[in-house]
């Protein structure tokens, strides 16, 4: 493709690609990623960001998503452990809040 006298190599193939393939990338966020949780949310944001990029070809956008799939595949165990630890910490904080509320209610009852 030649634009303003400058040859844009590789864009001849891209001219044959439909607009929808550049924009609708969510179907690529498939079973390689969790159906919910922070990784899924992150990948949805990646797909939105890539869909807005006019500087990447469709093949490059697909390659980005494939790279993340490989990256997270190796990290799933670590992510699950991290989420479990965060959930346990959150449960401990909530238990402490309830204990303090109960203690405050008991103190109020004793003062009356």
Protein backbone atom coordinates (compact mmCIF):
# COMPACT_ATOMS: atom_id res chain seq x y z
CA UNK A 1 0.00 0.00 0.00
CA UNK A 2 1.29 3.47 -0.84
CA UNK A 3 0.12 6.45 1.16
CA UNK A 4 1.37 9.94 0.25
CA UNK A 5 4.21 8.38 -1.72
CA UNK A 6 5.36 6.24 1.24
CA UNK A 7 5.18 2.47 0.99
CA UNK A 8 3.51 0.95 4.02
CA UNK A 9 4.75 -2.60 4.00
CA UNK A 10 2.49 -5.29 5.35
CA UNK A 11 -0.64 -3.21 5.15
CA UNK A 12 -1.76 -4.70 1.85
CA UNK A 13 -2.92 -7.79 3.72
CA UNK A 14 -4.49 -5.63 6.41
CA UNK A 15 -6.64 -3.86 3.82
CA UNK A 16 -8.44 -7.17 3.28
CA UNK A 17 -9.33 -7.50 6.97
CA UNK A 18 -12.74 -6.35 8.07
CA UNK A 19 -13.21 -3.57 10.60
CA UNK A 20 -15.08 -5.90 12.94
CA UNK A 21 -11.98 -8.08 13.32
CA UNK A 22 -10.07 -5.09 14.70
CA UNK A 23 -12.76 -4.06 17.13
CA UNK A 24 -14.53 -7.16 18.42
CA UNK A 25 -11.76 -9.01 20.25
CA UNK A 26 -13.80 -10.31 23.21
CA UNK A 27 -14.37 -13.74 21.59
CA UNK A 28 -10.61 -14.26 21.88
CA UNK A 29 -10.99 -14.13 25.68
CA UNK A 30 -12.14 -17.75 25.69
CA UNK A 31 -11.58 -20.81 27.86
CA UNK A 32 -7.86 -20.06 28.05
CA UNK A 33 -8.81 -17.55 30.74
CA UNK A 34 -10.98 -17.86 33.87
CA UNK A 35 -14.68 -17.05 33.47
CA UNK A 36 -14.52 -14.50 36.30
CA UNK A 37 -12.07 -12.84 38.64
CA UNK A 38 -9.20 -10.40 38.28
CA UNK A 39 -7.50 -12.17 35.37
CA UNK A 40 -10.73 -12.18 33.35
CA UNK A 41 -11.34 -8.52 34.15
CA UNK A 42 -7.76 -7.66 33.16
CA UNK A 43 -8.08 -9.52 29.86
CA UNK A 44 -11.36 -7.76 29.07
CA UNK A 45 -9.54 -4.45 29.57
CA UNK A 46 -6.69 -5.67 27.35
CA UNK A 47 -9.19 -6.54 24.61
CA UNK A 48 -10.80 -3.10 24.86
CA UNK A 49 -7.41 -1.40 24.70
CA UNK A 50 -6.29 -3.45 21.71
CA UNK A 51 -9.58 -2.81 19.93
CA UNK A 52 -8.90 0.93 20.14
CA UNK A 53 -5.37 0.70 18.75
CA UNK A 54 -5.09 1.71 15.08
CA UNK A 55 -1.36 0.93 15.10
CA UNK A 56 -1.55 -2.86 15.40
CA UNK A 57 -2.65 -5.38 12.82
CA UNK A 58 -5.28 -7.97 13.65
CA UNK A 59 -2.56 -10.62 13.75
CA UNK A 60 -0.58 -8.54 16.26
CA UNK A 61 -3.67 -8.08 18.42
CA UNK A 62 -4.30 -11.83 18.38
CA UNK A 63 -0.64 -12.42 19.25
CA UNK A 64 -0.90 -10.11 22.27
CA UNK A 65 -3.86 -12.03 23.63
CA UNK A 66 -2.13 -15.37 22.95
CA UNK A 67 0.94 -14.11 24.84
CA UNK A 68 -1.20 -13.28 27.88
CA UNK A 69 -2.83 -16.71 27.67
CA UNK A 70 0.59 -18.36 27.88
CA UNK A 71 1.73 -16.00 30.63
CA UNK A 72 -1.29 -16.61 32.85
CA UNK A 73 -1.28 -20.36 32.18
CA UNK A 74 2.01 -20.55 34.07
CA UNK A 75 0.74 -18.28 36.85
CA UNK A 76 -2.69 -19.78 37.66
CA UNK A 77 -1.48 -21.65 40.75
CA UNK A 78 0.20 -18.53 42.13
CA UNK A 79 -2.87 -16.41 41.38
CA UNK A 80 -5.18 -18.89 43.11
CA UNK A 81 -2.93 -18.97 46.18
CA UNK A 82 -2.85 -15.19 46.24
CA UNK A 83 -6.63 -14.96 45.97
CA UNK A 84 -7.06 -17.52 48.75
CA UNK A 85 -4.69 -15.58 51.02
CA UNK A 86 -6.53 -12.32 50.26
CA UNK A 87 -9.88 -13.96 51.03
CA UNK A 88 -8.54 -15.33 54.32
CA UNK A 89 -7.19 -11.91 55.28
CA UNK A 90 -10.50 -10.29 54.42
CA UNK A 91 -12.36 -12.86 56.51
CA UNK A 92 -10.03 -12.19 59.46
CA UNK A 93 -10.61 -8.43 59.18
CA UNK A 94 -14.38 -8.93 59.05
CA UNK A 95 -14.25 -11.23 62.08
CA UNK A 96 -12.29 -8.58 63.99
CA UNK A 97 -14.85 -5.92 63.03
CA UNK A 98 -17.68 -8.09 64.30
CA UNK A 99 -15.80 -8.82 67.51
CA UNK A 100 -15.29 -5.07 68.10
CA UNK A 101 -18.96 -4.32 67.36
CA UNK A 102 -20.01 -7.01 69.79
CA UNK A 103 -17.61 -5.68 72.39
CA UNK A 104 -18.91 -2.12 71.91
CA UNK A 105 -22.50 -3.34 72.26
CA UNK A 106 -21.60 -5.24 75.42
CA UNK A 107 -19.89 -2.15 76.87
CA UNK A 108 -22.99 -0.04 76.11
CA UNK A 109 -25.23 -2.58 77.83
CA UNK A 110 -22.99 -2.63 80.90
CA UNK A 111 -22.99 1.19 81.15
CA UNK A 112 -26.79 1.38 81.24
